[in-house]
PDB file of N, CA and C in Angstrom:
ATOM      1  N   UNK A   1       2.118 114.922  42.793  1.00  0.00           N
ATOM      2  CA  UNK A   1       1.953 114.210  41.538  1.00  0.00           C
ATOM      3  C   UNK A   1       3.318 114.014  40.901  1.00  0.00           C
ATOM      4  N   UNK A   2       3.433 112.917  40.195  1.00  0.00           N
ATOM      5  CA  UNK A   2       4.674 112.581  39.514  1.00  0.00           C
ATOM      6  C   UNK A   2       4.389 112.211  38.064  1.00  0.00           C
ATOM      7  N   UNK A   3       5.373 112.476  37.200  1.00  0.00           N
ATOM      8  CA  UNK A   3       5.300 111.985  35.828  1.00  0.00           C
ATOM      9  C   UNK A   3       5.770 110.542  35.811  1.00  0.00           C
ATOM     10  N   UNK A   4       5.184 109.737  34.940  1.00  0.00           N
ATOM     11  CA  UNK A   4       5.605 108.348  34.780  1.00  0.00           C
ATOM     12  C   UNK A   4       5.262 107.894  33.371  1.00  0.00           C
ATOM     13  N   UNK A   5       5.883 106.799  32.954  1.00  0.00           N
ATOM     14  CA  UNK A   5       5.585 106.184  31.662  1.00  0.00           C
ATOM     15  C   UNK A   5       5.044 104.790  31.930  1.00  0.00           C
ATOM     16  N   UNK A   6       3.925 104.462  31.287  1.00  0.00           N
ATOM     17  CA  UNK A   6       3.303 103.155  31.476  1.00  0.00           C
ATOM     18  C   UNK A   6       4.150 102.101  30.776  1.00  0.00           C
ATOM     19  N   UNK A   7       4.562 101.080  31.539  1.00  0.00           N
ATOM     20  CA  UNK A   7       5.400 100.001  31.024  1.00  0.00           C
ATOM     21  C   UNK A   7       4.620  98.714  30.798  1.00  0.00           C
ATOM     22  N   UNK A   8       3.492  98.552  31.483  1.00  0.00           N
ATOM     23  CA  UNK A   8       2.727  97.315  31.353  1.00  0.00           C
ATOM     24  C   UNK A   8       1.553  97.305  32.307  1.00  0.00           C
ATOM     25  N   UNK A   9       0.996  96.135  32.516  1.00  0.00           N
ATOM     26  CA  UNK A   9      -0.129  96.004  33.433  1.00  0.00           C
ATOM     27  C   UNK A   9       0.136  94.854  34.395  1.00  0.00           C
ATOM     28  N   UNK A  10      -0.559  94.869  35.500  1.00  0.00           N
ATOM     29  CA  UNK A  10      -0.467  93.796  36.488  1.00  0.00           C
ATOM     30  C   UNK A  10      -1.814  93.097  36.532  1.00  0.00           C
ATOM     31  N   UNK A  11      -1.788  91.775  36.534  1.00  0.00           N
ATOM     32  CA  UNK A  11      -3.012  90.981  36.574  1.00  0.00           C
ATOM     33  C   UNK A  11      -3.026  90.198  37.874  1.00  0.00           C
ATOM     34  N   UNK A  12      -4.120  90.310  38.600  1.00  0.00           N
ATOM     35  CA  UNK A  12      -4.260  89.612  39.876  1.00  0.00           C
ATOM     36  C   UNK A  12      -5.458  88.668  39.805  1.00  0.00           C
ATOM     37  N   UNK A  13      -5.248  87.423  40.209  1.00  0.00           N
ATOM     38  CA  UNK A  13      -6.367  86.476  40.210  1.00  0.00           C
ATOM     39  C   UNK A  13      -7.262  86.697  41.417  1.00  0.00           C
ATOM     40  N   UNK A  14      -6.701  87.244  42.482  1.00  0.00           N
ATOM     41  CA  UNK A  14      -7.468  87.563  43.691  1.00  0.00           C
ATOM     42  C   UNK A  14      -7.135  88.993  44.076  1.00  0.00           C
ATOM     43  N   UNK A  15      -8.175  89.794  44.369  1.00  0.00           N
ATOM     44  CA  UNK A  15      -7.965  91.181  44.766  1.00  0.00           C
ATOM     45  C   UNK A  15      -8.649  91.438  46.098  1.00  0.00           C
ATOM     46  N   UNK A  16      -8.144  92.425  46.805  1.00  0.00           N
ATOM     47  CA  UNK A  16      -8.744  92.863  48.056  1.00  0.00           C
ATOM     48  C   UNK A  16     -10.163  93.341  47.777  1.00  0.00           C
ATOM     49  N   UNK A  17     -11.130  93.032  48.651  1.00  0.00           N
ATOM     50  CA  UNK A  17     -12.504  93.491  48.430  1.00  0.00           C
ATOM     51  C   UNK A  17     -12.569  95.004  48.205  1.00  0.00           C
ATOM     52  N   UNK A  18     -13.308  95.406  47.208  1.00  0.00           N
ATOM     53  CA  UNK A  18     -13.435  96.822  46.873  1.00  0.00           C
ATOM     54  C   UNK A  18     -12.517  97.259  45.750  1.00  0.00           C
ATOM     55  N   UNK A  19     -11.582  96.398  45.374  1.00  0.00           N
ATOM     56  CA  UNK A  19     -10.683  96.760  44.278  1.00  0.00           C
ATOM     57  C   UNK A  19     -10.963  95.944  43.016  1.00  0.00           C
ATOM     58  N   UNK A  20     -11.994  95.118  43.053  1.00  0.00           N
ATOM     59  CA  UNK A  20     -12.357  94.355  41.860  1.00  0.00           C
ATOM     60  C   UNK A  20     -12.723  95.317  40.736  1.00  0.00           C
ATOM     61  N   UNK A  21     -12.307  95.000  39.533  1.00  0.00           N
ATOM     62  CA  UNK A  21     -12.643  95.829  38.375  1.00  0.00           C
ATOM     63  C   UNK A  21     -11.722  97.014  38.160  1.00  0.00           C
ATOM     64  N   UNK A  22     -10.772  97.225  39.046  1.00  0.00           N
ATOM     65  CA  UNK A  22      -9.822  98.329  38.881  1.00  0.00           C
ATOM     66  C   UNK A  22      -8.598  97.803  38.135  1.00  0.00           C
ATOM     67  N   UNK A  23      -8.316  98.399  36.973  1.00  0.00           N
ATOM     68  CA  UNK A  23      -7.155  98.004  36.170  1.00  0.00           C
ATOM     69  C   UNK A  23      -5.889  98.501  36.851  1.00  0.00           C
ATOM     70  N   UNK A  24      -4.866  97.659  36.897  1.00  0.00           N
ATOM     71  CA  UNK A  24      -3.594  98.025  37.506  1.00  0.00           C
ATOM     72  C   UNK A  24      -2.527  98.175  36.432  1.00  0.00           C
ATOM     73  N   UNK A  25      -1.793  99.275  36.490  1.00  0.00           N
ATOM     74  CA  UNK A  25      -0.726  99.546  35.535  1.00  0.00           C
ATOM     75  C   UNK A  25       0.628  99.535  36.232  1.00  0.00           C
ATOM     76  N   UNK A  26       1.646  99.090  35.527  1.00  0.00           N
ATOM     77  CA  UNK A  26       3.025  99.177  36.009  1.00  0.00           C
ATOM     78  C   UNK A  26       3.627 100.411  35.336  1.00  0.00           C
ATOM     79  N   UNK A  27       4.069 101.372  36.155  1.00  0.00           N
ATOM     80  CA  UNK A  27       4.587 102.631  35.613  1.00  0.00           C
ATOM     81  C   UNK A  27       6.010 102.879  36.093  1.00  0.00           C
ATOM     82  N   UNK A  28       6.785 103.572  35.258  1.00  0.00           N
ATOM     83  CA  UNK A  28       8.153 103.961  35.580  1.00  0.00           C
ATOM     84  C   UNK A  28       8.173 105.457  35.860  1.00  0.00           C
ATOM     85  N   UNK A  29       8.411 105.880  37.108  1.00  0.00           N
ATOM     86  CA  UNK A  29       8.525 107.315  37.376  1.00  0.00           C
ATOM     87  C   UNK A  29       9.667 107.921  36.565  1.00  0.00           C
ATOM     88  N   UNK A  30       9.465 109.154  36.095  1.00  0.00           N
ATOM     89  CA  UNK A  30      10.474 109.857  35.304  1.00  0.00           C
ATOM     90  C   UNK A  30      10.635 111.282  35.827  1.00  0.00           C
ATOM     91  N   UNK A  31      11.781 111.900  35.500  1.00  0.00           N
ATOM     92  CA  UNK A  31      12.005 113.293  35.888  1.00  0.00           C
ATOM     93  C   UNK A  31      11.429 114.222  34.816  1.00  0.00           C
ATOM     94  N   UNK A  32      11.707 115.513  34.959  1.00  0.00           N
ATOM     95  CA  UNK A  32      11.140 116.484  34.019  1.00  0.00           C
ATOM     96  C   UNK A  32      11.679 116.338  32.596  1.00  0.00           C
ATOM     97  N   UNK A  33      12.772 115.595  32.440  1.00  0.00           N
ATOM     98  CA  UNK A  33      13.328 115.338  31.107  1.00  0.00           C
ATOM     99  C   UNK A  33      12.890 113.964  30.586  1.00  0.00           C
ATOM    100  N   UNK A  34      11.942 113.354  31.299  1.00  0.00           N
ATOM    101  CA  UNK A  34      11.390 112.026  30.973  1.00  0.00           C
ATOM    102  C   UNK A  34      12.437 110.915  31.065  1.00  0.00           C
ATOM    103  N   UNK A  35      13.422 111.105  31.956  1.00  0.00           N
ATOM    104  CA  UNK A  35      14.432 110.088  32.226  1.00  0.00           C
ATOM    105  C   UNK A  35      13.992 109.273  33.441  1.00  0.00           C
ATOM    106  N   UNK A  36      14.149 107.953  33.409  1.00  0.00           N
ATOM    107  CA  UNK A  36      13.699 107.105  34.518  1.00  0.00           C
ATOM    108  C   UNK A  36      14.361 107.471  35.851  1.00  0.00           C
ATOM    109  N   UNK A  37      13.555 107.466  36.907  1.00  0.00           N
ATOM    110  CA  UNK A  37      14.061 107.658  38.268  1.00  0.00           C
ATOM    111  C   UNK A  37      13.369 106.636  39.165  1.00  0.00           C
ATOM    112  N   UNK A  38      14.113 106.033  40.049  1.00  0.00           N
ATOM    113  CA  UNK A  38      13.520 105.085  40.982  1.00  0.00           C
ATOM    114  C   UNK A  38      13.046 103.812  40.310  1.00  0.00           C
ATOM    115  N   UNK A  39      12.343 102.999  41.104  1.00  0.00           N
ATOM    116  CA  UNK A  39      11.849 101.720  40.621  1.00  0.00           C
ATOM    117  C   UNK A  39      10.447 101.801  40.062  1.00  0.00           C
ATOM    118  N   UNK A  40       9.994 100.688  39.525  1.00  0.00           N
ATOM    119  CA  UNK A  40       8.643 100.606  38.971  1.00  0.00           C
ATOM    120  C   UNK A  40       7.608 100.681  40.083  1.00  0.00           C
ATOM    121  N   UNK A  41       6.419 101.190  39.740  1.00  0.00           N
ATOM    122  CA  UNK A  41       5.325 101.358  40.685  1.00  0.00           C
ATOM    123  C   UNK A  41       4.060 100.775  40.059  1.00  0.00           C
ATOM    124  N   UNK A  42       3.234 100.133  40.882  1.00  0.00           N
ATOM    125  CA  UNK A  42       1.927  99.674  40.420  1.00  0.00           C
ATOM    126  C   UNK A  42       0.904 100.738  40.816  1.00  0.00           C
ATOM    127  N   UNK A  43       0.090 101.183  39.859  1.00  0.00           N
ATOM    128  CA  UNK A  43      -0.902 102.228  40.110  1.00  0.00           C
ATOM    129  C   UNK A  43      -2.245 101.837  39.505  1.00  0.00           C
ATOM    130  N   UNK A  44      -3.308 102.183  40.209  1.00  0.00           N
ATOM    131  CA  UNK A  44      -4.654 101.972  39.679  1.00  0.00           C
ATOM    132  C   UNK A  44      -4.868 102.937  38.513  1.00  0.00           C
ATOM    133  N   UNK A  45      -5.563 102.494  37.493  1.00  0.00           N
ATOM    134  CA  UNK A  45      -5.799 103.313  36.298  1.00  0.00           C
ATOM    135  C   UNK A  45      -7.197 103.906  36.339  1.00  0.00           C
ATOM    136  N   UNK A  46      -7.275 105.241  36.365  1.00  0.00           N
ATOM    137  CA  UNK A  46      -8.584 105.899  36.353  1.00  0.00           C
ATOM    138  C   UNK A  46      -8.868 106.601  35.033  1.00  0.00           C
ATOM    139  N   UNK A  47      -7.927 106.510  34.062  1.00  0.00           N
ATOM    140  CA  UNK A  47      -8.080 107.273  32.815  1.00  0.00           C
ATOM    141  C   UNK A  47      -7.907 106.432  31.549  1.00  0.00           C
ATOM    142  N   UNK A  48      -7.830 105.124  31.689  1.00  0.00           N
ATOM    143  CA  UNK A  48      -7.665 104.217  30.551  1.00  0.00           C
ATOM    144  C   UNK A  48      -6.367 104.469  29.776  1.00  0.00           C
ATOM    145  N   UNK A  49      -5.278 104.581  30.519  1.00  0.00           N
ATOM    146  CA  UNK A  49      -3.964 104.776  29.902  1.00  0.00           C
ATOM    147  C   UNK A  49      -3.471 103.458  29.314  1.00  0.00           C
ATOM    148  N   UNK A  50      -2.526 103.558  28.386  1.00  0.00           N
ATOM    149  CA  UNK A  50      -1.983 102.371  27.744  1.00  0.00           C
ATOM    150  C   UNK A  50      -0.466 102.362  27.781  1.00  0.00           C
ATOM    151  N   UNK A  51       0.108 101.239  27.399  1.00  0.00           N
ATOM    152  CA  UNK A  51       1.560 101.087  27.389  1.00  0.00           C
ATOM    153  C   UNK A  51       2.187 102.173  26.515  1.00  0.00           C
ATOM    154  N   UNK A  52       3.225 102.820  27.049  1.00  0.00           N
ATOM    155  CA  UNK A  52       3.921 103.881  26.340  1.00  0.00           C
ATOM    156  C   UNK A  52       3.407 105.276  26.652  1.00  0.00           C
ATOM    157  N   UNK A  53       2.223 105.384  27.246  1.00  0.00           N
ATOM    158  CA  UNK A  53       1.681 106.702  27.584  1.00  0.00           C
ATOM    159  C   UNK A  53       2.488 107.342  28.706  1.00  0.00           C
ATOM    160  N   UNK A  54       2.680 108.652  28.619  1.00  0.00           N
ATOM    161  CA  UNK A  54       3.226 109.427  29.723  1.00  0.00           C
ATOM    162  C   UNK A  54       2.031 109.867  30.554  1.00  0.00           C
ATOM    163  N   UNK A  55       2.104 109.632  31.859  1.00  0.00           N
ATOM    164  CA  UNK A  55       0.941 109.863  32.719  1.00  0.00           C
ATOM    165  C   UNK A  55       1.317 110.650  33.965  1.00  0.00           C
ATOM    166  N   UNK A  56       0.295 111.204  34.615  1.00  0.00           N
ATOM    167  CA  UNK A  56       0.437 111.818  35.924  1.00  0.00           C
ATOM    168  C   UNK A  56      -0.021 110.801  36.954  1.00  0.00           C
ATOM    169  N   UNK A  57       0.799 110.573  37.976  1.00  0.00           N
ATOM    170  CA  UNK A  57       0.470 109.605  39.013  1.00  0.00           C
ATOM    171  C   UNK A  57       0.376 110.327  40.353  1.00  0.00           C
ATOM    172  N   UNK A  58      -0.742 110.136  41.020  1.00  0.00           N
ATOM    173  CA  UNK A  58      -0.937 110.653  42.371  1.00  0.00           C
ATOM    174  C   UNK A  58      -0.539 109.533  43.324  1.00  0.00           C
ATOM    175  N   UNK A  59       0.440 109.796  44.204  1.00  0.00           N
ATOM    176  CA  UNK A  59       0.935 108.766  45.120  1.00  0.00           C
ATOM    177  C   UNK A  59       0.602 109.165  46.551  1.00  0.00           C
ATOM    178  N   UNK A  60      -0.675 109.106  46.866  1.00  0.00           N
ATOM    179  CA  UNK A  60      -1.150 109.461  48.201  1.00  0.00           C
ATOM    180  C   UNK A  60      -2.478 108.738  48.394  1.00  0.00           C
ATOM    181  N   UNK A  61      -2.559 107.883  49.390  1.00  0.00           N
ATOM    182  CA  UNK A  61      -3.696 106.987  49.563  1.00  0.00           C
ATOM    183  C   UNK A  61      -5.059 107.650  49.641  1.00  0.00           C
ATOM    184  N   UNK A  62      -5.192 108.702  50.442  1.00  0.00           N
ATOM    185  CA  UNK A  62      -6.497 109.349  50.591  1.00  0.00           C
ATOM    186  C   UNK A  62      -6.964 109.951  49.266  1.00  0.00           C
ATOM    187  N   UNK A  63      -6.072 110.624  48.573  1.00  0.00           N
ATOM    188  CA  UNK A  63      -6.407 111.194  47.262  1.00  0.00           C
ATOM    189  C   UNK A  63      -6.749 110.121  46.249  1.00  0.00           C
ATOM    190  N   UNK A  64      -5.998 109.011  46.277  1.00  0.00           N
ATOM    191  CA  UNK A  64      -6.260 107.906  45.352  1.00  0.00           C
ATOM    192  C   UNK A  64      -7.652 107.339  45.581  1.00  0.00           C
ATOM    193  N   UNK A  65      -8.027 107.164  46.839  1.00  0.00           N
ATOM    194  CA  UNK A  65      -9.367 106.639  47.150  1.00  0.00           C
ATOM    195  C   UNK A  65     -10.459 107.610  46.709  1.00  0.00           C
ATOM    196  N   UNK A  66     -10.203 108.909  46.811  1.00  0.00           N
ATOM    197  CA  UNK A  66     -11.177 109.906  46.355  1.00  0.00           C
ATOM    198  C   UNK A  66     -11.354 109.848  44.846  1.00  0.00           C
ATOM    199  N   UNK A  67     -10.242 109.725  44.122  1.00  0.00           N
ATOM    200  CA  UNK A  67     -10.305 109.632  42.658  1.00  0.00           C
ATOM    201  C   UNK A  67     -11.106 108.408  42.245  1.00  0.00           C
ATOM    202  N   UNK A  68     -10.880 107.286  42.929  1.00  0.00           N
ATOM    203  CA  UNK A  68     -11.578 106.038  42.605  1.00  0.00           C
ATOM    204  C   UNK A  68     -12.990 105.994  43.186  1.00  0.00           C
ATOM    205  N   UNK A  69     -13.338 107.015  43.980  1.00  0.00           N
ATOM    206  CA  UNK A  69     -14.650 107.086  44.636  1.00  0.00           C
ATOM    207  C   UNK A  69     -14.941 105.822  45.437  1.00  0.00           C
ATOM    208  N   UNK A  70     -13.929 105.383  46.203  1.00  0.00           N
ATOM    209  CA  UNK A  70     -14.045 104.180  47.015  1.00  0.00           C
ATOM    210  C   UNK A  70     -13.215 104.383  48.275  1.00  0.00           C
ATOM    211  N   UNK A  71     -13.865 104.742  49.377  1.00  0.00           N
ATOM    212  CA  UNK A  71     -13.140 105.054  50.605  1.00  0.00           C
ATOM    213  C   UNK A  71     -12.472 103.843  51.247  1.00  0.00           C
ATOM    214  N   UNK A  72     -12.834 102.639  50.795  1.00  0.00           N
ATOM    215  CA  UNK A  72     -12.260 101.429  51.374  1.00  0.00           C
ATOM    216  C   UNK A  72     -11.213 100.767  50.474  1.00  0.00           C
ATOM    217  N   UNK A  73     -10.953 101.331  49.295  1.00  0.00           N
ATOM    218  CA  UNK A  73      -9.978 100.737  48.376  1.00  0.00           C
ATOM    219  C   UNK A  73      -8.584 100.775  49.000  1.00  0.00           C
ATOM    220  N   UNK A  74      -7.884  99.683  48.904  1.00  0.00           N
ATOM    221  CA  UNK A  74      -6.531  99.552  49.440  1.00  0.00           C
ATOM    222  C   UNK A  74      -5.548  99.986  48.346  1.00  0.00           C
ATOM    223  N   UNK A  75      -5.503 101.301  48.069  1.00  0.00           N
ATOM    224  CA  UNK A  75      -4.736 101.842  46.948  1.00  0.00           C
ATOM    225  C   UNK A  75      -3.919 103.034  47.430  1.00  0.00           C
ATOM    226  N   UNK A  76      -2.665 103.102  46.987  1.00  0.00           N
ATOM    227  CA  UNK A  76      -1.813 104.247  47.315  1.00  0.00           C
ATOM    228  C   UNK A  76      -1.551 105.108  46.078  1.00  0.00           C
ATOM    229  N   UNK A  77      -1.371 104.471  44.914  1.00  0.00           N
ATOM    230  CA  UNK A  77      -1.033 105.201  43.689  1.00  0.00           C
ATOM    231  C   UNK A  77      -2.137 105.047  42.654  1.00  0.00           C
ATOM    232  N   UNK A  78      -2.450 106.159  41.973  1.00  0.00           N
ATOM    233  CA  UNK A  78      -3.475 106.136  40.938  1.00  0.00           C
ATOM    234  C   UNK A  78      -3.051 107.040  39.783  1.00  0.00           C
ATOM    235  N   UNK A  79      -3.278 106.570  38.562  1.00  0.00           N
ATOM    236  CA  UNK A  79      -3.025 107.374  37.367  1.00  0.00           C
ATOM    237  C   UNK A  79      -4.218 108.319  37.209  1.00  0.00           C
ATOM    238  N   UNK A  80      -3.931 109.641  37.176  1.00  0.00           N
ATOM    239  CA  UNK A  80      -5.013 110.611  37.111  1.00  0.00           C
ATOM    240  C   UNK A  80      -5.042 111.431  35.825  1.00  0.00           C
ATOM    241  N   UNK A  81      -4.076 111.223  34.939  1.00  0.00           N
ATOM    242  CA  UNK A  81      -4.084 111.970  33.691  1.00  0.00           C
ATOM    243  C   UNK A  81      -3.092 111.414  32.688  1.00  0.00           C
ATOM    244  N   UNK A  82      -3.423 111.581  31.413  1.00  0.00           N
ATOM    245  CA  UNK A  82      -2.511 111.231  30.331  1.00  0.00           C
ATOM    246  C   UNK A  82      -1.899 112.538  29.833  1.00  0.00           C
ATOM    247  N   UNK A  83      -0.570 112.604  29.790  1.00  0.00           N
ATOM    248  CA  UNK A  83       0.145 113.821  29.430  1.00  0.00           C
ATOM    249  C   UNK A  83       0.296 113.899  27.918  1.00  0.00           C
ATOM    250  N   UNK A  84      -0.150 115.014  27.343  1.00  0.00           N
ATOM    251  CA  UNK A  84      -0.005 115.227  25.906  1.00  0.00           C
ATOM    252  C   UNK A  84       1.367 115.761  25.556  1.00  0.00           C
ATOM    253  N   UNK A  85       1.887 116.665  26.388  1.00  0.00           N
ATOM    254  CA  UNK A  85       3.221 117.221  26.132  1.00  0.00           C
ATOM    255  C   UNK A  85       3.776 117.801  27.428  1.00  0.00           C
ATOM    256  N   UNK A  86       5.093 117.961  27.436  1.00  0.00           N
ATOM    257  CA  UNK A  86       5.776 118.592  28.565  1.00  0.00           C
ATOM    258  C   UNK A  86       6.621 119.711  27.993  1.00  0.00           C
ATOM    259  N   UNK A  87       6.439 120.921  28.519  1.00  0.00           N
ATOM    260  CA  UNK A  87       7.187 122.084  28.050  1.00  0.00           C
ATOM    261  C   UNK A  87       7.927 122.686  29.233  1.00  0.00           C
ATOM    262  N   UNK A  88       9.228 122.851  29.081  1.00  0.00           N
ATOM    263  CA  UNK A  88      10.045 123.438  30.137  1.00  0.00           C
ATOM    264  C   UNK A  88      10.499 124.823  29.709  1.00  0.00           C
ATOM    265  N   UNK A  89      10.369 125.800  30.602  1.00  0.00           N
ATOM    266  CA  UNK A  89      10.886 127.143  30.338  1.00  0.00           C
ATOM    267  C   UNK A  89      12.347 127.198  30.747  1.00  0.00           C
ATOM    268  N   UNK A  90      13.171 127.825  29.887  1.00  0.00           N
ATOM    269  CA  UNK A  90      14.588 128.006  30.229  1.00  0.00           C
ATOM    270  C   UNK A  90      15.428 126.932  29.808  1.00  0.00           C
TER     271      UNK A  90
END
């Protein structure tokens, strides 16, 4: 799982069968200090996250399909939680 910040959404006029109705979010992966790392990622939204939310993203296809309860969904990344706070020890 990775931390990310929701930057926007992706709209598709045509989707792969089985992915209809799944909201797609554009997220920016961040490190433990909430600083951007890497490029933007498109992830399926399973928790109704919004722009500016800090979220947990699962980036593994089999797990993503399990979360979406769709074994045929063509999905690699899925938002699985909205983060309320991050606390670091030390």
